[in-house]
mmCIF file of all heavy atoms, coordinates in Angstrom:
data_MODEL
# 
_entry.id   MODEL 
# 
loop_
_atom_site.group_PDB 
_atom_site.id 
_atom_site.type_symbol 
_atom_site.label_atom_id 
_atom_site.label_alt_id 
_atom_site.label_comp_id 
_atom_site.label_asym_id 
_atom_site.label_entity_id 
_atom_site.label_seq_id 
_atom_site.pdbx_PDB_ins_code 
_atom_site.Cartn_x 
_atom_site.Cartn_y 
_atom_site.Cartn_z 
_atom_site.occupancy 
_atom_site.B_iso_or_equiv 
_atom_site.pdbx_formal_charge 
_atom_site.auth_seq_id 
_atom_site.auth_comp_id 
_atom_site.auth_asym_id 
_atom_site.auth_atom_id 
_atom_site.pdbx_PDB_model_num 
ATOM 1   N N   . ALA A 1 1  ? 17.172 -37.305 8.971  1.00 0.00 ? 1  ALA A N   1 
ATOM 2   C CA  . ALA A 1 1  ? 16.892 -36.673 10.261 1.00 0.00 ? 1  ALA A CA  1 
ATOM 3   C C   . ALA A 1 1  ? 17.640 -35.353 10.434 1.00 0.00 ? 1  ALA A C   1 
ATOM 4   O O   . ALA A 1 1  ? 17.211 -34.490 11.201 1.00 0.00 ? 1  ALA A O   1 
ATOM 5   C CB  . ALA A 1 1  ? 17.254 -37.623 11.402 1.00 0.00 ? 1  ALA A CB  1 
ATOM 6   N N   . ASP A 1 2  ? 18.740 -35.157 9.736  1.00 0.00 ? 2  ASP A N   1 
ATOM 7   C CA  . ASP A 1 2  ? 19.559 -33.958 9.909  1.00 0.00 ? 2  ASP A CA  1 
ATOM 8   C C   . ASP A 1 2  ? 19.093 -32.857 8.967  1.00 0.00 ? 2  ASP A C   1 
ATOM 9   O O   . ASP A 1 2  ? 18.546 -33.123 7.906  1.00 0.00 ? 2  ASP A O   1 
ATOM 10  C CB  . ASP A 1 2  ? 21.030 -34.298 9.647  1.00 0.00 ? 2  ASP A CB  1 
ATOM 11  C CG  . ASP A 1 2  ? 21.975 -33.331 10.337 1.00 0.00 ? 2  ASP A CG  1 
ATOM 12  O OD1 . ASP A 1 2  ? 21.718 -32.112 10.257 1.00 0.00 ? 2  ASP A OD1 1 
ATOM 13  O OD2 . ASP A 1 2  ? 22.936 -33.799 10.960 1.00 0.00 ? 2  ASP A OD2 1 
ATOM 14  N N   . THR A 1 3  ? 19.360 -31.613 9.340  1.00 0.00 ? 3  THR A N   1 
ATOM 15  C CA  . THR A 1 3  ? 18.915 -30.485 8.526  1.00 0.00 ? 3  THR A CA  1 
ATOM 16  C C   . THR A 1 3  ? 20.066 -29.635 7.997  1.00 0.00 ? 3  THR A C   1 
ATOM 17  O O   . THR A 1 3  ? 19.838 -28.586 7.421  1.00 0.00 ? 3  THR A O   1 
ATOM 18  C CB  . THR A 1 3  ? 17.971 -29.566 9.342  1.00 0.00 ? 3  THR A CB  1 
ATOM 19  O OG1 . THR A 1 3  ? 18.672 -29.113 10.493 1.00 0.00 ? 3  THR A OG1 1 
ATOM 20  C CG2 . THR A 1 3  ? 16.704 -30.283 9.719  1.00 0.00 ? 3  THR A CG2 1 
ATOM 21  N N   . GLY A 1 4  ? 21.291 -30.061 8.158  1.00 0.00 ? 4  GLY A N   1 
ATOM 22  C CA  . GLY A 1 4  ? 22.449 -29.304 7.686  1.00 0.00 ? 4  GLY A CA  1 
ATOM 23  C C   . GLY A 1 4  ? 22.618 -29.403 6.175  1.00 0.00 ? 4  GLY A C   1 
ATOM 24  O O   . GLY A 1 4  ? 21.816 -30.011 5.473  1.00 0.00 ? 4  GLY A O   1 
ATOM 25  N N   . SER A 1 5  ? 23.694 -28.799 5.686  1.00 0.00 ? 5  SER A N   1 
ATOM 26  C CA  . SER A 1 5  ? 23.995 -28.864 4.254  1.00 0.00 ? 5  SER A CA  1 
ATOM 27  C C   . SER A 1 5  ? 24.514 -30.255 3.904  1.00 0.00 ? 5  SER A C   1 
ATOM 28  O O   . SER A 1 5  ? 24.896 -31.036 4.785  1.00 0.00 ? 5  SER A O   1 
ATOM 29  C CB  . SER A 1 5  ? 25.046 -27.811 3.893  1.00 0.00 ? 5  SER A CB  1 
ATOM 30  O OG  . SER A 1 5  ? 26.314 -28.193 4.407  1.00 0.00 ? 5  SER A OG  1 
ATOM 31  N N   . GLY A 1 6  ? 24.578 -30.542 2.607  1.00 0.00 ? 6  GLY A N   1 
ATOM 32  C CA  . GLY A 1 6  ? 25.076 -31.832 2.159  1.00 0.00 ? 6  GLY A CA  1 
ATOM 33  C C   . GLY A 1 6  ? 26.495 -32.087 2.620  1.00 0.00 ? 6  GLY A C   1 
ATOM 34  O O   . GLY A 1 6  ? 26.843 -33.188 3.045  1.00 0.00 ? 6  GLY A O   1 
ATOM 35  N N   . ALA A 1 7  ? 27.342 -31.062 2.563  1.00 0.00 ? 7  ALA A N   1 
ATOM 36  C CA  . ALA A 1 7  ? 28.738 -31.204 2.976  1.00 0.00 ? 7  ALA A CA  1 
ATOM 37  C C   . ALA A 1 7  ? 28.842 -31.443 4.479  1.00 0.00 ? 7  ALA A C   1 
ATOM 38  O O   . ALA A 1 7  ? 29.638 -32.277 4.931  1.00 0.00 ? 7  ALA A O   1 
ATOM 39  C CB  . ALA A 1 7  ? 29.536 -29.974 2.578  1.00 0.00 ? 7  ALA A CB  1 
ATOM 40  N N   . GLN A 1 8  ? 28.026 -30.715 5.245  1.00 0.00 ? 8  GLN A N   1 
ATOM 41  C CA  . GLN A 1 8  ? 28.054 -30.892 6.708  1.00 0.00 ? 8  GLN A CA  1 
ATOM 42  C C   . GLN A 1 8  ? 27.595 -32.300 7.095  1.00 0.00 ? 8  GLN A C   1 
ATOM 43  O O   . GLN A 1 8  ? 28.202 -32.956 7.943  1.00 0.00 ? 8  GLN A O   1 
ATOM 44  C CB  . GLN A 1 8  ? 27.149 -29.853 7.384  1.00 0.00 ? 8  GLN A CB  1 
ATOM 45  C CG  . GLN A 1 8  ? 27.672 -28.448 7.300  1.00 0.00 ? 8  GLN A CG  1 
ATOM 46  C CD  . GLN A 1 8  ? 26.625 -27.427 7.745  1.00 0.00 ? 8  GLN A CD  1 
ATOM 47  O OE1 . GLN A 1 8  ? 25.426 -27.678 7.688  1.00 0.00 ? 8  GLN A OE1 1 
ATOM 48  N NE2 . GLN A 1 8  ? 27.090 -26.260 8.174  1.00 0.00 ? 8  GLN A NE2 1 
ATOM 49  N N   . ILE A 1 9  ? 26.528 -32.753 6.476  1.00 0.00 ? 9  ILE A N   1 
ATOM 50  C CA  . ILE A 1 9  ? 26.003 -34.083 6.798  1.00 0.00 ? 9  ILE A CA  1 
ATOM 51  C C   . ILE A 1 9  ? 27.005 -35.163 6.370  1.00 0.00 ? 9  ILE A C   1 
ATOM 52  O O   . ILE A 1 9  ? 27.220 -36.136 7.098  1.00 0.00 ? 9  ILE A O   1 
ATOM 53  C CB  . ILE A 1 9  ? 24.623 -34.304 6.146  1.00 0.00 ? 9  ILE A CB  1 
ATOM 54  C CG1 . ILE A 1 9  ? 23.605 -33.334 6.748  1.00 0.00 ? 9  ILE A CG1 1 
ATOM 55  C CG2 . ILE A 1 9  ? 24.159 -35.742 6.332  1.00 0.00 ? 9  ILE A CG2 1 
ATOM 56  C CD1 . ILE A 1 9  ? 22.265 -33.350 6.075  1.00 0.00 ? 9  ILE A CD1 1 
ATOM 57  N N   . ALA A 1 10 ? 27.635 -34.992 5.218  1.00 0.00 ? 10 ALA A N   1 
ATOM 58  C CA  . ALA A 1 10 ? 28.636 -35.955 4.758  1.00 0.00 ? 10 ALA A CA  1 
ATOM 59  C C   . ALA A 1 10 ? 29.771 -36.066 5.771  1.00 0.00 ? 10 ALA A C   1 
ATOM 60  O O   . ALA A 1 10 ? 30.248 -37.165 6.072  1.00 0.00 ? 10 ALA A O   1 
ATOM 61  C CB  . ALA A 1 10 ? 29.180 -35.552 3.389  1.00 0.00 ? 10 ALA A CB  1 
ATOM 62  N N   . GLU A 1 11 ? 30.170 -34.936 6.322  1.00 0.00 ? 11 GLU A N   1 
ATOM 63  C CA  . GLU A 1 11 ? 31.225 -34.933 7.344  1.00 0.00 ? 11 GLU A CA  1 
ATOM 64  C C   . GLU A 1 11 ? 30.753 -35.643 8.613  1.00 0.00 ? 11 GLU A C   1 
ATOM 65  O O   . GLU A 1 11 ? 31.492 -36.418 9.218  1.00 0.00 ? 11 GLU A O   1 
ATOM 66  C CB  . GLU A 1 11 ? 31.624 -33.492 7.652  1.00 0.00 ? 11 GLU A CB  1 
ATOM 67  C CG  . GLU A 1 11 ? 32.869 -33.367 8.486  1.00 0.00 ? 11 GLU A CG  1 
ATOM 68  C CD  . GLU A 1 11 ? 33.299 -31.918 8.655  1.00 0.00 ? 11 GLU A CD  1 
ATOM 69  O OE1 . GLU A 1 11 ? 33.360 -31.206 7.639  1.00 0.00 ? 11 GLU A OE1 1 
ATOM 70  O OE2 . GLU A 1 11 ? 33.556 -31.524 9.809  1.00 0.00 ? 11 GLU A OE2 1 
ATOM 71  N N   . GLN A 1 12 ? 29.504 -35.386 9.011  1.00 0.00 ? 12 GLN A N   1 
ATOM 72  C CA  . GLN A 1 12 ? 28.950 -36.043 10.209 1.00 0.00 ? 12 GLN A CA  1 
ATOM 73  C C   . GLN A 1 12 ? 28.829 -37.559 10.005 1.00 0.00 ? 12 GLN A C   1 
ATOM 74  O O   . GLN A 1 12 ? 29.099 -38.334 10.928 1.00 0.00 ? 12 GLN A O   1 
ATOM 75  C CB  . GLN A 1 12 ? 27.580 -35.453 10.545 1.00 0.00 ? 12 GLN A CB  1 
ATOM 76  C CG  . GLN A 1 12 ? 27.641 -34.013 11.026 1.00 0.00 ? 12 GLN A CG  1 
ATOM 77  C CD  . GLN A 1 12 ? 26.260 -33.385 11.130 1.00 0.00 ? 12 GLN A CD  1 
ATOM 78  O OE1 . GLN A 1 12 ? 25.247 -34.045 10.913 1.00 0.00 ? 12 GLN A OE1 1 
ATOM 79  N NE2 . GLN A 1 12 ? 26.214 -32.096 11.454 1.00 0.00 ? 12 GLN A NE2 1 
ATOM 80  N N   . VAL A 1 13 ? 28.446 -37.976 8.804  1.00 0.00 ? 13 VAL A N   1 
ATOM 81  C CA  . VAL A 1 13 ? 28.349 -39.406 8.500  1.00 0.00 ? 13 VAL A CA  1 
ATOM 82  C C   . VAL A 1 13 ? 29.735 -40.046 8.604  1.00 0.00 ? 13 VAL A C   1 
ATOM 83  O O   . VAL A 1 13 ? 29.884 -41.139 9.161  1.00 0.00 ? 13 VAL A O   1 
ATOM 84  C CB  . VAL A 1 13 ? 27.727 -39.641 7.095  1.00 0.00 ? 13 VAL A CB  1 
ATOM 85  C CG1 . VAL A 1 13 ? 27.915 -41.075 6.641  1.00 0.00 ? 13 VAL A CG1 1 
ATOM 86  C CG2 . VAL A 1 13 ? 26.251 -39.275 7.095  1.00 0.00 ? 13 VAL A CG2 1 
ATOM 87  N N   . ALA A 1 14 ? 30.750 -39.352 8.092  1.00 0.00 ? 14 ALA A N   1 
ATOM 88  C CA  . ALA A 1 14 ? 32.115 -39.884 8.166  1.00 0.00 ? 14 ALA A CA  1 
ATOM 89  C C   . ALA A 1 14 ? 32.553 -40.026 9.619  1.00 0.00 ? 14 ALA A C   1 
ATOM 90  O O   . ALA A 1 14 ? 33.153 -41.040 9.993  1.00 0.00 ? 14 ALA A O   1 
ATOM 91  C CB  . ALA A 1 14 ? 33.073 -38.971 7.407  1.00 0.00 ? 14 ALA A CB  1 
ATOM 92  N N   . ASP A 1 15 ? 32.242 -39.035 10.442 1.00 0.00 ? 15 ASP A N   1 
ATOM 93  C CA  . ASP A 1 15 ? 32.625 -39.089 11.864 1.00 0.00 ? 15 ASP A CA  1 
ATOM 94  C C   . ASP A 1 15 ? 31.873 -40.187 12.606 1.00 0.00 ? 15 ASP A C   1 
ATOM 95  O O   . ASP A 1 15 ? 32.458 -40.928 13.384 1.00 0.00 ? 15 ASP A O   1 
ATOM 96  C CB  . ASP A 1 15 ? 32.353 -37.743 12.545 1.00 0.00 ? 15 ASP A CB  1 
ATOM 97  C CG  . ASP A 1 15 ? 33.268 -36.633 12.038 1.00 0.00 ? 15 ASP A CG  1 
ATOM 98  O OD1 . ASP A 1 15 ? 34.320 -36.965 11.452 1.00 0.00 ? 15 ASP A OD1 1 
ATOM 99  O OD2 . ASP A 1 15 ? 32.922 -35.451 12.221 1.00 0.00 ? 15 ASP A OD2 1 
ATOM 100 N N   . ARG A 1 16 ? 30.580 -40.267 12.363 1.00 0.00 ? 16 ARG A N   1 
ATOM 101 C CA  . ARG A 1 16 ? 29.741 -41.177 13.139 1.00 0.00 ? 16 ARG A CA  1 
ATOM 102 C C   . ARG A 1 16 ? 29.798 -42.636 12.651 1.00 0.00 ? 16 ARG A C   1 
ATOM 103 O O   . ARG A 1 16 ? 29.830 -43.550 13.452 1.00 0.00 ? 16 ARG A O   1 
ATOM 104 C CB  . ARG A 1 16 ? 28.298 -40.684 13.100 1.00 0.00 ? 16 ARG A CB  1 
ATOM 105 C CG  . ARG A 1 16 ? 27.364 -41.527 13.925 1.00 0.00 ? 16 ARG A CG  1 
ATOM 106 C CD  . ARG A 1 16 ? 26.059 -40.841 14.124 1.00 0.00 ? 16 ARG A CD  1 
ATOM 107 N NE  . ARG A 1 16 ? 25.169 -41.689 14.897 1.00 0.00 ? 16 ARG A NE  1 
ATOM 108 C CZ  . ARG A 1 16 ? 23.969 -41.331 15.255 1.00 0.00 ? 16 ARG A CZ  1 
ATOM 109 N NH1 . ARG A 1 16 ? 23.510 -40.147 14.937 1.00 0.00 ? 16 ARG A NH1 1 
ATOM 110 N NH2 . ARG A 1 16 ? 23.217 -42.148 15.940 1.00 0.00 ? 16 ARG A NH2 1 
ATOM 111 N N   . PHE A 1 17 ? 29.792 -42.828 11.313 1.00 0.00 ? 17 PHE A N   1 
ATOM 112 C CA  . PHE A 1 17 ? 29.700 -44.181 10.757 1.00 0.00 ? 17 PHE A CA  1 
ATOM 113 C C   . PHE A 1 17 ? 30.997 -44.661 10.101 1.00 0.00 ? 17 PHE A C   1 
ATOM 114 O O   . PHE A 1 17 ? 31.100 -45.824 9.717  1.00 0.00 ? 17 PHE A O   1 
ATOM 115 C CB  . PHE A 1 17 ? 28.564 -44.256 9.722  1.00 0.00 ? 17 PHE A CB  1 
ATOM 116 C CG  . PHE A 1 17 ? 27.209 -43.958 10.288 1.00 0.00 ? 17 PHE A CG  1 
ATOM 117 C CD1 . PHE A 1 17 ? 26.640 -42.711 10.129 1.00 0.00 ? 17 PHE A CD1 1 
ATOM 118 C CD2 . PHE A 1 17 ? 26.506 -44.934 10.973 1.00 0.00 ? 17 PHE A CD2 1 
ATOM 119 C CE1 . PHE A 1 17 ? 25.381 -42.428 10.639 1.00 0.00 ? 17 PHE A CE1 1 
ATOM 120 C CE2 . PHE A 1 17 ? 25.243 -44.671 11.485 1.00 0.00 ? 17 PHE A CE2 1 
ATOM 121 C CZ  . PHE A 1 17 ? 24.680 -43.407 11.332 1.00 0.00 ? 17 PHE A CZ  1 
ATOM 122 N N   . GLY A 1 18 ? 31.956 -43.756 9.923  1.00 0.00 ? 18 GLY A N   1 
ATOM 123 C CA  . GLY A 1 18 ? 33.200 -44.138 9.265  1.00 0.00 ? 18 GLY A CA  1 
ATOM 124 C C   . GLY A 1 18 ? 33.051 -44.349 7.769  1.00 0.00 ? 18 GLY A C   1 
ATOM 125 O O   . GLY A 1 18 ? 33.856 -45.038 7.144  1.00 0.00 ? 18 GLY A O   1 
ATOM 126 N N   . VAL A 1 19 ? 32.012 -43.758 7.175  1.00 0.00 ? 19 VAL A N   1 
ATOM 127 C CA  . VAL A 1 19 ? 31.736 -43.907 5.745  1.00 0.00 ? 19 VAL A CA  1 
ATOM 128 C C   . VAL A 1 19 ? 31.823 -42.541 5.094  1.00 0.00 ? 19 VAL A C   1 
ATOM 129 O O   . VAL A 1 19 ? 31.139 -41.606 5.513  1.00 0.00 ? 19 VAL A O   1 
ATOM 130 C CB  . VAL A 1 19 ? 30.321 -44.512 5.514  1.00 0.00 ? 19 VAL A CB  1 
ATOM 131 C CG1 . VAL A 1 19 ? 29.985 -44.551 4.041  1.00 0.00 ? 19 VAL A CG1 1 
ATOM 132 C CG2 . VAL A 1 19 ? 30.232 -45.885 6.126  1.00 0.00 ? 19 VAL A CG2 1 
ATOM 133 N N   . ARG A 1 20 ? 32.692 -42.436 4.078  1.00 0.00 ? 20 ARG A N   1 
ATOM 134 C CA  . ARG A 1 20 ? 32.848 -41.156 3.392  1.00 0.00 ? 20 ARG A CA  1 
ATOM 135 C C   . ARG A 1 20 ? 31.858 -41.079 2.230  1.00 0.00 ? 20 ARG A C   1 
ATOM 136 O O   . ARG A 1 20 ? 31.848 -41.945 1.368  1.00 0.00 ? 20 ARG A O   1 
ATOM 137 C CB  . ARG A 1 20 ? 34.269 -40.993 2.886  1.00 0.00 ? 20 ARG A CB  1 
ATOM 138 C CG  . ARG A 1 20 ? 35.285 -40.909 4.014  1.00 0.00 ? 20 ARG A CG  1 
ATOM 139 C CD  . ARG A 1 20 ? 36.692 -40.682 3.506  1.00 0.00 ? 20 ARG A CD  1 
ATOM 140 N NE  . ARG A 1 20 ? 36.818 -39.567 2.577  1.00 0.00 ? 20 ARG A NE  1 
ATOM 141 C CZ  . ARG A 1 20 ? 36.936 -38.273 2.936  1.00 0.00 ? 20 ARG A CZ  1 
ATOM 142 N NH1 . ARG A 1 20 ? 36.935 -37.948 4.214  1.00 0.00 ? 20 ARG A NH1 1 
ATOM 143 N NH2 . ARG A 1 20 ? 37.067 -37.331 2.022  1.00 0.00 ? 20 ARG A NH2 1 
ATOM 144 N N   . LEU A 1 21 ? 31.018 -40.051 2.245  1.00 0.00 ? 21 LEU A N   1 
ATOM 145 C CA  . LEU A 1 21 ? 30.055 -39.804 1.178  1.00 0.00 ? 21 LEU A CA  1 
ATOM 146 C C   . LEU A 1 21 ? 30.340 -38.448 0.561  1.00 0.00 ? 21 LEU A C   1 
ATOM 147 O O   . LEU A 1 21 ? 30.798 -37.531 1.243  1.00 0.00 ? 21 LEU A O   1 
ATOM 148 C CB  . LEU A 1 21 ? 28.626 -39.803 1.724  1.00 0.00 ? 21 LEU A CB  1 
ATOM 149 C CG  . LEU A 1 21 ? 28.094 -41.071 2.371  1.00 0.00 ? 21 LEU A CG  1 
ATOM 150 C CD1 . LEU A 1 21 ? 26.702 -40.824 2.942  1.00 0.00 ? 21 LEU A CD1 1 
ATOM 151 C CD2 . LEU A 1 21 ? 28.059 -42.206 1.373  1.00 0.00 ? 21 LEU A CD2 1 
ATOM 152 N N   . HIS A 1 22 ? 30.037 -38.310 -0.703 1.00 0.00 ? 22 HIS A N   1 
ATOM 153 C CA  . HIS A 1 22 ? 30.131 -37.015 -1.361 1.00 0.00 ? 22 HIS A CA  1 
ATOM 154 C C   . HIS A 1 22 ? 28.882 -36.212 -0.995 1.00 0.00 ? 22 HIS A C   1 
ATOM 155 O O   . HIS A 1 22 ? 27.807 -36.778 -0.775 1.00 0.00 ? 22 HIS A O   1 
ATOM 156 C CB  . HIS A 1 22 ? 30.209 -37.210 -2.881 1.00 0.00 ? 22 HIS A CB  1 
ATOM 157 C CG  . HIS A 1 22 ? 30.587 -35.976 -3.614 1.00 0.00 ? 22 HIS A CG  1 
ATOM 158 N ND1 . HIS A 1 22 ? 29.667 -35.032 -3.998 1.00 0.00 ? 22 HIS A ND1 1 
ATOM 159 C CD2 . HIS A 1 22 ? 31.803 -35.533 -4.026 1.00 0.00 ? 22 HIS A CD2 1 
ATOM 160 C CE1 . HIS A 1 22 ? 30.296 -34.048 -4.625 1.00 0.00 ? 22 HIS A CE1 1 
ATOM 161 N NE2 . HIS A 1 22 ? 31.592 -34.332 -4.661 1.00 0.00 ? 22 HIS A NE2 1 
ATOM 162 N N   . ARG A 1 23 ? 29.017 -34.910 -0.938 1.00 0.00 ? 23 ARG A N   1 
ATOM 163 C CA  . ARG A 1 23 ? 27.865 -34.069 -0.562 1.00 0.00 ? 23 ARG A CA  1 
ATOM 164 C C   . ARG A 1 23 ? 26.697 -34.265 -1.523 1.00 0.00 ? 23 ARG A C   1 
ATOM 165 O O   . ARG A 1 23 ? 25.540 -34.222 -1.121 1.00 0.00 ? 23 ARG A O   1 
ATOM 166 C CB  . ARG A 1 23 ? 28.262 -32.594 -0.504 1.00 0.00 ? 23 ARG A CB  1 
ATOM 167 C CG  . ARG A 1 23 ? 28.587 -31.994 -1.848 1.00 0.00 ? 23 ARG A CG  1 
ATOM 168 C CD  . ARG A 1 23 ? 28.773 -30.476 -1.791 1.00 0.00 ? 23 ARG A CD  1 
ATOM 169 N NE  . ARG A 1 23 ? 29.096 -29.964 -3.097 1.00 0.00 ? 23 ARG A NE  1 
ATOM 170 C CZ  . ARG A 1 23 ? 28.219 -29.747 -4.064 1.00 0.00 ? 23 ARG A CZ  1 
ATOM 171 N NH1 . ARG A 1 23 ? 26.940 -29.998 -3.851 1.00 0.00 ? 23 ARG A NH1 1 
ATOM 172 N NH2 . ARG A 1 23 ? 28.595 -29.301 -5.233 1.00 0.00 ? 23 ARG A NH2 1 
ATOM 173 N N   . ARG A 1 24 ? 26.980 -34.523 -2.808 1.00 0.00 ? 24 ARG A N   1 
ATOM 174 C CA  . ARG A 1 24 ? 25.913 -34.731 -3.781 1.00 0.00 ? 24 ARG A CA  1 
ATOM 175 C C   . ARG A 1 24 ? 25.147 -36.028 -3.489 1.00 0.00 ? 24 ARG A C   1 
ATOM 176 O O   . ARG A 1 24 ? 23.949 -36.097 -3.706 1.00 0.00 ? 24 ARG A O   1 
ATOM 177 C CB  . ARG A 1 24 ? 26.492 -34.794 -5.217 1.00 0.00 ? 24 ARG A CB  1 
ATOM 178 C CG  . ARG A 1 24 ? 27.103 -33.488 -5.681 1.00 0.00 ? 24 ARG A CG  1 
ATOM 179 C CD  . ARG A 1 24 ? 26.064 -32.400 -5.944 1.00 0.00 ? 24 ARG A CD  1 
ATOM 180 N NE  . ARG A 1 24 ? 25.241 -32.780 -7.071 1.00 0.00 ? 24 ARG A NE  1 
ATOM 181 C CZ  . ARG A 1 24 ? 23.930 -32.601 -7.137 1.00 0.00 ? 24 ARG A CZ  1 
ATOM 182 N NH1 . ARG A 1 24 ? 23.285 -32.035 -6.154 1.00 0.00 ? 24 ARG A NH1 1 
ATOM 183 N NH2 . ARG A 1 24 ? 23.257 -32.989 -8.185 1.00 0.00 ? 24 ARG A NH2 1 
# 
């Protein structure tokens, strides 16, 4: 659903879900 970069979305996922993902 998001249109940001991989790094931006990874940061948002960490904030929202508490799960750290790599941008790749």
